[in-house]
């Protein structure tokens, strides 16, 4: 364990900085770091973006196919298919849970607003203590 107080402080703040950077910049986390493009999911004529990771939610019924459009780089030239699910207690126009095809982890996405803020219903859900019936949402990922 490092004995230098600056090193300890840096180690303690590193996870907070990573989460703040991902949420504050509206970018999606990847295995390699942060994508240059914000996460966008399209479903039923609407666009959804990243919700803060760690919000507890419960999946309801399957709604149908959704897509993540390409970011624009050569490695991301195709849409990524997802399946959209209703989130218990939320209107699909406010937020969805989506799961990339072939991946077991579903994550929460919120309707995109012109002012960049989260819908009030999603903010309330973020403030609600986690319950046993709702697993926490993982951080979204992008391909590439």
Foldseek 3Di string as FASTA:
>chain_A
DDPDPVVVVCVVCVVVVLLCVCVVVQFAAAPVGTDPAHWWKDDPRFIWGWDRFFQWWAFDAWDAKIWTQFPPDPQRHHIFIWTWTPTPPDDVQAKIWIGTPPDDATAIIGTADPVRDHPPVSVVSRVDPHDPNTGTHHTDYDDD
